[in-house]
Amino acid sequence: MSAEVPGAPVPLPTRKLGATPAFPVRQGPREPHPDAKAAAKALHEIRDEVDRVNITGLLLASRDGLLLASDTQEIEDDSVAAMAAAAVGLATRFVGQAGLGEARGAMFQGSLGHVCVFPVQEPILLVLFARPDTTMGLFNVVARQALTLLQEALPKAN
């Protein structure tokens, strides 16, 4: 069957072997993000003040999706950091399109718990995880308390 026939599938273009140069391989350890040290210090400072009955994990990520610090269990921190940046970007677009002003966070409810992403300062995002039996209202309250604690701790951590 020819690709010229209406409705016929068009084959995808293929790349010739060796046509594209290989990606450069990074040698040696990756340099830490400039905000990682301050973020780790701030997270350590607030971790015992956060409602740990309802909040099961905390993670700090950069706006470009890099992991800065975490206090989580059984999750892939690097992937969550990248998704946090994407979630805030989507929330910003969604809230803007809806004419609701500036996005203040993105909350998601799953069958096994809740997750919320808040912008803390320009380069830093806070991701919080909660138990499934935590109501969304309570999660919102304790998440905002954690956000306030972190915002107060970050200037001291610098």
N, C-alpha and C. Protein backbone atom coordinates (compact mmCIF):
# COMPACT_ATOMS: atom_id res chain seq x y z
N MET A 1 0.84 -1.18 0.00
CA MET A 1 0.00 0.00 0.00
C MET A 1 0.88 1.24 0.00
N SER A 2 0.58 2.20 -0.80
CA SER A 2 1.39 3.41 -0.97
C SER A 2 1.01 4.45 0.07
N ALA A 3 1.98 5.28 0.47
CA ALA A 3 1.73 6.35 1.44
C ALA A 3 0.90 7.46 0.82
N GLU A 4 0.72 7.43 -0.49
CA GLU A 4 -0.04 8.48 -1.16
C GLU A 4 -1.54 8.25 -1.07
N VAL A 5 -1.95 7.06 -0.70
CA VAL A 5 -3.37 6.74 -0.58
C VAL A 5 -3.90 7.40 0.68
N PRO A 6 -5.00 8.17 0.58
CA PRO A 6 -5.55 8.83 1.77
C PRO A 6 -5.89 7.81 2.84
N GLY A 7 -5.49 8.10 4.06
CA GLY A 7 -5.77 7.24 5.20
C GLY A 7 -4.73 6.14 5.41
N ALA A 8 -3.81 5.98 4.45
CA ALA A 8 -2.79 4.95 4.59
C ALA A 8 -1.74 5.41 5.60
N PRO A 9 -1.20 4.50 6.40
CA PRO A 9 -0.18 4.90 7.37
C PRO A 9 1.08 5.39 6.68
N VAL A 10 1.67 6.41 7.26
CA VAL A 10 2.91 6.97 6.74
C VAL A 10 4.04 6.41 7.60
N PRO A 11 5.08 5.85 6.98
CA PRO A 11 6.16 5.29 7.80
C PRO A 11 6.91 6.40 8.53
N LEU A 12 7.37 6.06 9.73
CA LEU A 12 8.14 7.01 10.52
C LEU A 12 9.53 7.14 9.91
N PRO A 13 10.12 8.32 10.01
CA PRO A 13 11.48 8.47 9.50
C PRO A 13 12.45 7.66 10.36
N THR A 14 13.47 7.16 9.75
CA THR A 14 14.48 6.40 10.49
C THR A 14 15.80 7.15 10.43
N ARG A 15 16.63 6.90 11.41
CA ARG A 15 17.92 7.54 11.49
C ARG A 15 18.98 6.54 11.05
N LYS A 16 19.89 7.00 10.25
CA LYS A 16 20.97 6.13 9.81
C LYS A 16 21.93 5.92 10.97
N LEU A 17 22.39 4.71 11.12
CA LEU A 17 23.32 4.37 12.17
C LEU A 17 24.57 5.25 12.08
N GLY A 18 24.92 5.90 13.16
CA GLY A 18 26.10 6.76 13.19
C GLY A 18 25.85 8.16 12.66
N ALA A 19 24.61 8.50 12.29
CA ALA A 19 24.31 9.82 11.73
C ALA A 19 24.35 10.92 12.78
N THR A 20 24.08 10.54 14.03
CA THR A 20 24.06 11.52 15.10
C THR A 20 25.22 11.25 16.03
N PRO A 21 25.97 12.29 16.39
CA PRO A 21 27.08 12.05 17.31
C PRO A 21 26.56 11.59 18.67
N ALA A 22 27.33 10.77 19.34
CA ALA A 22 26.95 10.27 20.65
C ALA A 22 26.97 11.41 21.67
N PHE A 23 26.15 11.26 22.72
CA PHE A 23 26.15 12.24 23.80
C PHE A 23 27.47 12.15 24.54
N PRO A 24 28.00 13.29 24.97
CA PRO A 24 29.24 13.22 25.73
C PRO A 24 29.00 12.53 27.07
N VAL A 25 29.93 11.73 27.49
CA VAL A 25 29.82 11.03 28.76
C VAL A 25 30.50 11.87 29.84
N ARG A 26 29.77 12.13 30.90
CA ARG A 26 30.32 12.94 32.00
C ARG A 26 31.24 12.06 32.83
N GLN A 27 32.41 12.56 33.08
CA GLN A 27 33.39 11.84 33.89
C GLN A 27 33.43 12.47 35.28
N GLY A 28 33.56 11.64 36.29
CA GLY A 28 33.70 12.14 37.65
C GLY A 28 32.37 12.46 38.30
N PRO A 29 32.39 12.86 39.56
CA PRO A 29 31.15 13.15 40.28
C PRO A 29 30.49 14.44 39.80
N ARG A 30 29.18 14.48 39.91
CA ARG A 30 28.40 15.65 39.53
C ARG A 30 28.54 16.72 40.61
N GLU A 31 28.69 17.97 40.19
CA GLU A 31 28.77 19.06 41.15
C GLU A 31 27.42 19.25 41.82
N PRO A 32 27.40 19.49 43.13
CA PRO A 32 26.11 19.69 43.81
C PRO A 32 25.47 20.99 43.37
N HIS A 33 24.15 21.02 43.43
CA HIS A 33 23.39 22.23 43.10
C HIS A 33 23.78 23.32 44.11
N PRO A 34 23.87 24.57 43.68
CA PRO A 34 24.29 25.66 44.60
C PRO A 34 23.39 25.80 45.83
N ASP A 35 22.11 25.41 45.72
CA ASP A 35 21.19 25.54 46.85
C ASP A 35 21.11 24.28 47.70
N ALA A 36 21.81 23.22 47.34
CA ALA A 36 21.66 21.92 48.01
C ALA A 36 22.10 21.98 49.48
N LYS A 37 23.19 22.62 49.77
CA LYS A 37 23.70 22.66 51.15
C LYS A 37 22.73 23.40 52.07
N ALA A 38 22.28 24.57 51.64
CA ALA A 38 21.33 25.35 52.45
C ALA A 38 20.01 24.61 52.59
N ALA A 39 19.56 23.95 51.53
CA ALA A 39 18.31 23.21 51.56
C ALA A 39 18.40 22.04 52.53
N ALA A 40 19.49 21.30 52.49
CA ALA A 40 19.68 20.16 53.39
C ALA A 40 19.71 20.62 54.84
N LYS A 41 20.39 21.72 55.09
CA LYS A 41 20.47 22.26 56.45
C LYS A 41 19.08 22.69 56.94
N ALA A 42 18.33 23.38 56.10
CA ALA A 42 16.98 23.83 56.47
C ALA A 42 16.05 22.65 56.70
N LEU A 43 16.13 21.65 55.85
CA LEU A 43 15.27 20.47 55.99
C LEU A 43 15.59 19.75 57.30
N HIS A 44 16.85 19.61 57.61
CA HIS A 44 17.25 18.97 58.86
C HIS A 44 16.74 19.77 60.06
N GLU A 45 16.76 21.08 59.93
CA GLU A 45 16.34 21.96 61.01
C GLU A 45 14.84 21.84 61.30
N ILE A 46 14.03 21.66 60.28
CA ILE A 46 12.57 21.65 60.49
C ILE A 46 11.98 20.25 60.63
N ARG A 47 12.71 19.21 60.30
CA ARG A 47 12.12 17.86 60.22
C ARG A 47 11.45 17.41 61.50
N ASP A 48 11.95 17.81 62.67
CA ASP A 48 11.33 17.39 63.92
C ASP A 48 10.17 18.29 64.34
N GLU A 49 10.01 19.43 63.69
CA GLU A 49 8.92 20.35 64.01
C GLU A 49 7.69 20.09 63.16
N VAL A 50 7.84 19.31 62.10
CA VAL A 50 6.73 19.01 61.19
C VAL A 50 5.87 17.92 61.79
N ASP A 51 4.56 17.99 61.58
CA ASP A 51 3.61 16.98 62.05
C ASP A 51 3.90 15.64 61.39
N ARG A 52 4.71 14.80 62.03
CA ARG A 52 5.13 13.53 61.44
C ARG A 52 4.06 12.45 61.56
N VAL A 53 2.96 12.73 62.25
CA VAL A 53 1.85 11.78 62.27
C VAL A 53 1.18 11.78 60.90
N ASN A 54 1.01 12.95 60.33
CA ASN A 54 0.34 13.08 59.04
C ASN A 54 1.30 13.21 57.88
N ILE A 55 2.40 13.92 58.05
CA ILE A 55 3.39 14.11 56.98
C ILE A 55 4.39 12.95 57.06
N THR A 56 4.46 12.17 55.99
CA THR A 56 5.33 10.99 55.99
C THR A 56 6.65 11.22 55.28
N GLY A 57 6.77 12.31 54.54
CA GLY A 57 8.02 12.58 53.84
C GLY A 57 8.10 14.01 53.37
N LEU A 58 9.33 14.50 53.29
CA LEU A 58 9.63 15.84 52.81
C LEU A 58 10.74 15.75 51.79
N LEU A 59 10.66 16.57 50.77
CA LEU A 59 11.69 16.59 49.74
C LEU A 59 11.83 18.02 49.24
N LEU A 60 13.05 18.44 49.01
CA LEU A 60 13.31 19.76 48.43
C LEU A 60 13.93 19.57 47.06
N ALA A 61 13.41 20.27 46.08
CA ALA A 61 13.88 20.18 44.70
C ALA A 61 14.12 21.58 44.16
N SER A 62 14.95 21.65 43.14
CA SER A 62 15.16 22.93 42.47
C SER A 62 14.05 23.10 41.44
N ARG A 63 13.85 24.32 40.98
CA ARG A 63 12.82 24.59 39.97
C ARG A 63 13.10 23.87 38.65
N ASP A 64 14.36 23.49 38.44
CA ASP A 64 14.68 22.76 37.22
C ASP A 64 14.65 21.25 37.44
N GLY A 65 14.12 20.80 38.58
CA GLY A 65 13.87 19.39 38.79
C GLY A 65 14.99 18.58 39.39
N LEU A 66 15.98 19.23 39.99
CA LEU A 66 17.08 18.51 40.61
C LEU A 66 16.82 18.33 42.11
N LEU A 67 17.19 17.19 42.63
CA LEU A 67 17.03 16.90 44.04
C LEU A 67 18.02 17.73 44.85
N LEU A 68 17.50 18.42 45.88
CA LEU A 68 18.35 19.20 46.77
C LEU A 68 18.55 18.50 48.10
N ALA A 69 17.46 17.97 48.68
CA ALA A 69 17.52 17.28 49.96
C ALA A 69 16.23 16.50 50.12
N SER A 70 16.30 15.40 50.91
CA SER A 70 15.07 14.65 51.13
C SER A 70 15.07 13.94 52.46
N ASP A 71 13.87 13.72 52.96
CA ASP A 71 13.62 12.92 54.14
C ASP A 71 12.40 12.07 53.78
N THR A 72 12.63 11.08 52.94
CA THR A 72 11.55 10.23 52.42
C THR A 72 11.93 8.77 52.59
N GLN A 73 10.96 7.90 52.34
CA GLN A 73 11.19 6.47 52.39
C GLN A 73 10.54 5.83 51.17
N GLU A 74 11.26 4.91 50.56
CA GLU A 74 10.73 4.06 49.50
C GLU A 74 10.20 4.80 48.28
N ILE A 75 10.80 5.93 47.93
CA ILE A 75 10.46 6.58 46.68
C ILE A 75 11.74 6.91 45.94
N GLU A 76 11.63 7.15 44.66
CA GLU A 76 12.78 7.55 43.86
C GLU A 76 12.87 9.07 43.92
N ASP A 77 13.71 9.56 44.81
CA ASP A 77 13.80 11.00 45.06
C ASP A 77 14.12 11.81 43.81
N ASP A 78 15.04 11.34 42.98
CA ASP A 78 15.40 12.09 41.77
C ASP A 78 14.21 12.24 40.83
N SER A 79 13.44 11.17 40.66
CA SER A 79 12.26 11.23 39.79
C SER A 79 11.20 12.15 40.36
N VAL A 80 11.00 12.08 41.67
CA VAL A 80 10.00 12.94 42.31
C VAL A 80 10.41 14.41 42.18
N ALA A 81 11.69 14.71 42.31
CA ALA A 81 12.16 16.09 42.16
C ALA A 81 11.85 16.61 40.76
N ALA A 82 12.08 15.78 39.76
CA ALA A 82 11.79 16.19 38.38
C ALA A 82 10.29 16.39 38.18
N MET A 83 9.48 15.47 38.73
CA MET A 83 8.02 15.60 38.60
C MET A 83 7.49 16.81 39.37
N ALA A 84 8.15 17.16 40.48
CA ALA A 84 7.72 18.33 41.25
C ALA A 84 7.86 19.60 40.41
N ALA A 85 8.97 19.71 39.70
CA ALA A 85 9.16 20.88 38.83
C ALA A 85 8.11 20.91 37.73
N ALA A 86 7.80 19.75 37.17
CA ALA A 86 6.77 19.68 36.13
C ALA A 86 5.40 20.03 36.70
N ALA A 87 5.09 19.55 37.92
CA ALA A 87 3.79 19.82 38.55
C ALA A 87 3.60 21.31 38.82
N VAL A 88 4.65 21.97 39.30
CA VAL A 88 4.54 23.41 39.55
C VAL A 88 4.37 24.18 38.24
N GLY A 89 5.09 23.75 37.22
CA GLY A 89 4.92 24.38 35.91
C GLY A 89 3.51 24.22 35.38
N LEU A 90 2.96 23.01 35.50
CA LEU A 90 1.59 22.76 35.06
C LEU A 90 0.59 23.55 35.90
N ALA A 91 0.79 23.58 37.21
CA ALA A 91 -0.11 24.33 38.08
C ALA A 91 -0.10 25.82 37.73
N THR A 92 1.08 26.34 37.44
CA THR A 92 1.20 27.75 37.07
C THR A 92 0.41 28.04 35.80
N ARG A 93 0.56 27.16 34.80
CA ARG A 93 -0.18 27.35 33.54
C ARG A 93 -1.68 27.19 33.75
N PHE A 94 -2.07 26.16 34.50
CA PHE A 94 -3.48 25.85 34.72
C PHE A 94 -4.17 27.00 35.45
N VAL A 95 -3.57 27.45 36.55
CA VAL A 95 -4.15 28.53 37.34
C VAL A 95 -4.19 29.82 36.52
N GLY A 96 -3.15 30.07 35.74
CA GLY A 96 -3.13 31.25 34.89
C GLY A 96 -4.22 31.22 33.83
N GLN A 97 -4.39 30.07 33.18
CA GLN A 97 -5.44 29.94 32.16
C GLN A 97 -6.83 30.10 32.75
N ALA A 98 -6.99 29.65 34.00
CA ALA A 98 -8.29 29.76 34.66
C ALA A 98 -8.53 31.15 35.24
N GLY A 99 -7.52 32.03 35.15
CA GLY A 99 -7.67 33.39 35.66
C GLY A 99 -7.75 33.44 37.18
N LEU A 100 -7.01 32.54 37.85
CA LEU A 100 -7.08 32.46 39.31
C LEU A 100 -5.87 33.08 40.01
N GLY A 101 -5.09 33.84 39.28
CA GLY A 101 -3.95 34.52 39.90
C GLY A 101 -2.69 33.69 39.83
N GLU A 102 -1.91 33.73 40.89
CA GLU A 102 -0.62 33.05 40.96
C GLU A 102 -0.79 31.69 41.64
N ALA A 103 -0.18 30.67 41.07
CA ALA A 103 -0.25 29.32 41.66
C ALA A 103 0.49 29.29 42.98
N ARG A 104 -0.13 28.72 43.99
CA ARG A 104 0.49 28.62 45.32
C ARG A 104 0.88 27.19 45.67
N GLY A 105 0.55 26.25 44.81
CA GLY A 105 0.90 24.86 45.07
C GLY A 105 0.10 23.93 44.19
N ALA A 106 0.50 22.68 44.22
CA ALA A 106 -0.21 21.64 43.47
C ALA A 106 -0.40 20.46 44.41
N MET A 107 -1.65 20.05 44.62
CA MET A 107 -1.96 18.95 45.52
C MET A 107 -2.57 17.80 44.72
N PHE A 108 -2.14 16.59 45.09
CA PHE A 108 -2.64 15.39 44.42
C PHE A 108 -3.05 14.38 45.49
N GLN A 109 -4.18 13.69 45.24
CA GLN A 109 -4.66 12.68 46.16
C GLN A 109 -4.62 11.34 45.47
N GLY A 110 -3.97 10.36 46.10
CA GLY A 110 -3.89 9.02 45.56
C GLY A 110 -4.54 8.04 46.51
N SER A 111 -4.68 6.80 46.06
CA SER A 111 -5.31 5.80 46.91
C SER A 111 -4.45 5.43 48.11
N LEU A 112 -3.14 5.70 48.04
CA LEU A 112 -2.24 5.35 49.14
C LEU A 112 -1.67 6.57 49.86
N GLY A 113 -2.21 7.76 49.57
CA GLY A 113 -1.74 8.96 50.26
C GLY A 113 -1.88 10.21 49.41
N HIS A 114 -1.26 11.25 49.88
CA HIS A 114 -1.34 12.56 49.24
C HIS A 114 0.06 13.09 48.99
N VAL A 115 0.18 13.96 48.00
CA VAL A 115 1.44 14.65 47.74
C VAL A 115 1.11 16.09 47.35
N CYS A 116 1.95 17.00 47.81
CA CYS A 116 1.75 18.42 47.51
C CYS A 116 3.10 19.04 47.18
N VAL A 117 3.10 19.96 46.23
CA VAL A 117 4.30 20.69 45.85
C VAL A 117 4.04 22.17 46.04
N PHE A 118 4.93 22.82 46.78
CA PHE A 118 4.84 24.26 47.02
C PHE A 118 6.11 24.94 46.55
N PRO A 119 6.00 26.09 45.88
CA PRO A 119 7.19 26.92 45.67
C PRO A 119 7.57 27.53 47.02
N VAL A 120 8.83 27.43 47.42
CA VAL A 120 9.28 27.97 48.70
C VAL A 120 9.90 29.33 48.47
N GLN A 121 10.94 29.35 47.68
CA GLN A 121 11.60 30.57 47.24
C GLN A 121 11.78 30.38 45.74
N GLU A 122 12.24 31.38 45.06
CA GLU A 122 12.36 31.30 43.60
C GLU A 122 13.01 30.00 43.12
N PRO A 123 14.14 29.59 43.65
CA PRO A 123 14.75 28.39 43.08
C PRO A 123 14.36 27.07 43.76
N ILE A 124 13.54 27.10 44.83
CA ILE A 124 13.33 25.89 45.63
C ILE A 124 11.85 25.51 45.73
N LEU A 125 11.60 24.18 45.62
CA LEU A 125 10.26 23.61 45.75
C LEU A 125 10.23 22.67 46.95
N LEU A 126 9.12 22.64 47.66
CA LEU A 126 8.91 21.72 48.77
C LEU A 126 7.87 20.69 48.35
N VAL A 127 8.19 19.42 48.51
CA VAL A 127 7.27 18.33 48.23
C VAL A 127 6.98 17.63 49.55
N LEU A 128 5.70 17.46 49.85
CA LEU A 128 5.29 16.79 51.09
C LEU A 128 4.42 15.59 50.75
N PHE A 129 4.56 14.54 51.55
CA PHE A 129 3.77 13.33 51.39
C PHE A 129 2.98 13.10 52.67
N ALA A 130 1.74 12.60 52.53
CA ALA A 130 0.91 12.34 53.70
C ALA A 130 0.26 10.97 53.61
N ARG A 131 -0.16 10.49 54.75
CA ARG A 131 -0.82 9.19 54.86
C ARG A 131 -2.19 9.23 54.19
N PRO A 132 -2.71 8.08 53.78
CA PRO A 132 -4.01 8.06 53.11
C PRO A 132 -5.17 8.44 54.02
N ASP A 133 -5.03 8.24 55.34
CA ASP A 133 -6.13 8.57 56.26
C ASP A 133 -6.11 10.04 56.70
N THR A 134 -5.16 10.82 56.18
CA THR A 134 -5.13 12.25 56.44
C THR A 134 -6.11 12.93 55.49
N THR A 135 -7.03 13.70 56.04
CA THR A 135 -7.99 14.38 55.17
C THR A 135 -7.26 15.46 54.37
N MET A 136 -7.82 15.82 53.23
CA MET A 136 -7.20 16.86 52.41
C MET A 136 -7.15 18.19 53.16
N GLY A 137 -8.16 18.47 53.98
CA GLY A 137 -8.16 19.71 54.76
C GLY A 137 -7.02 19.74 55.76
N LEU A 138 -6.85 18.64 56.50
CA LEU A 138 -5.75 18.56 57.46
C LEU A 138 -4.41 18.58 56.75
N PHE A 139 -4.32 17.87 55.63
CA PHE A 139 -3.08 17.87 54.86
C PHE A 139 -2.72 19.28 54.43
N ASN A 140 -3.69 20.03 53.97
CA ASN A 140 -3.45 21.40 53.55
C ASN A 140 -2.91 22.24 54.71
N VAL A 141 -3.48 22.07 55.90
CA VAL A 141 -3.04 22.84 57.07
C VAL A 141 -1.62 22.47 57.47
N VAL A 142 -1.33 21.16 57.61
CA VAL A 142 0.01 20.76 58.06
C VAL A 142 1.06 21.02 56.98
N ALA A 143 0.67 20.92 55.71
CA ALA A 143 1.61 21.21 54.62
C ALA A 143 1.99 22.69 54.63
N ARG A 144 1.02 23.56 54.85
CA ARG A 144 1.32 25.00 54.90
C ARG A 144 2.14 25.36 56.14
N GLN A 145 1.94 24.63 57.24
CA GLN A 145 2.79 24.84 58.42
C GLN A 145 4.23 24.45 58.10
N ALA A 146 4.41 23.33 57.42
CA ALA A 146 5.76 22.89 57.03
C ALA A 146 6.39 23.90 56.08
N LEU A 147 5.59 24.44 55.16
CA LEU A 147 6.09 25.44 54.23
C LEU A 147 6.57 26.68 54.98
N THR A 148 5.78 27.14 55.96
CA THR A 148 6.17 28.30 56.75
C THR A 148 7.45 28.03 57.53
N LEU A 149 7.56 26.87 58.14
CA LEU A 149 8.78 26.51 58.88
C LEU A 149 9.99 26.54 57.95
N LEU A 150 9.83 25.99 56.76
CA LEU A 150 10.94 25.95 55.81
C LEU A 150 11.31 27.35 55.33
N GLN A 151 10.31 28.18 55.05
CA GLN A 151 10.60 29.55 54.63
C GLN A 151 11.35 30.31 55.71
N GLU A 152 11.05 30.03 56.97
CA GLU A 152 11.77 30.68 58.07
C GLU A 152 13.17 30.11 58.23
N ALA A 153 13.35 28.83 57.95
CA ALA A 153 14.64 28.17 58.15
C ALA A 153 15.62 28.46 57.02
N LEU A 154 15.15 28.65 55.82
CA LEU A 154 16.07 28.83 54.69
C LEU A 154 16.97 30.05 54.80
N PRO A 155 16.48 31.22 55.16
CA PRO A 155 17.42 32.35 55.30
C PRO A 155 18.49 32.09 56.35
N LYS A 156 18.13 31.39 57.46
CA LYS A 156 19.10 31.08 58.50
C LYS A 156 20.12 30.06 58.01
N ALA A 157 19.72 29.21 57.05
CA ALA A 157 20.61 28.16 56.56
C ALA A 157 21.67 28.71 55.62
N ASN A 158 21.45 29.88 55.04
CA ASN A 158 22.42 30.43 54.08
C ASN A 158 23.64 30.97 54.74
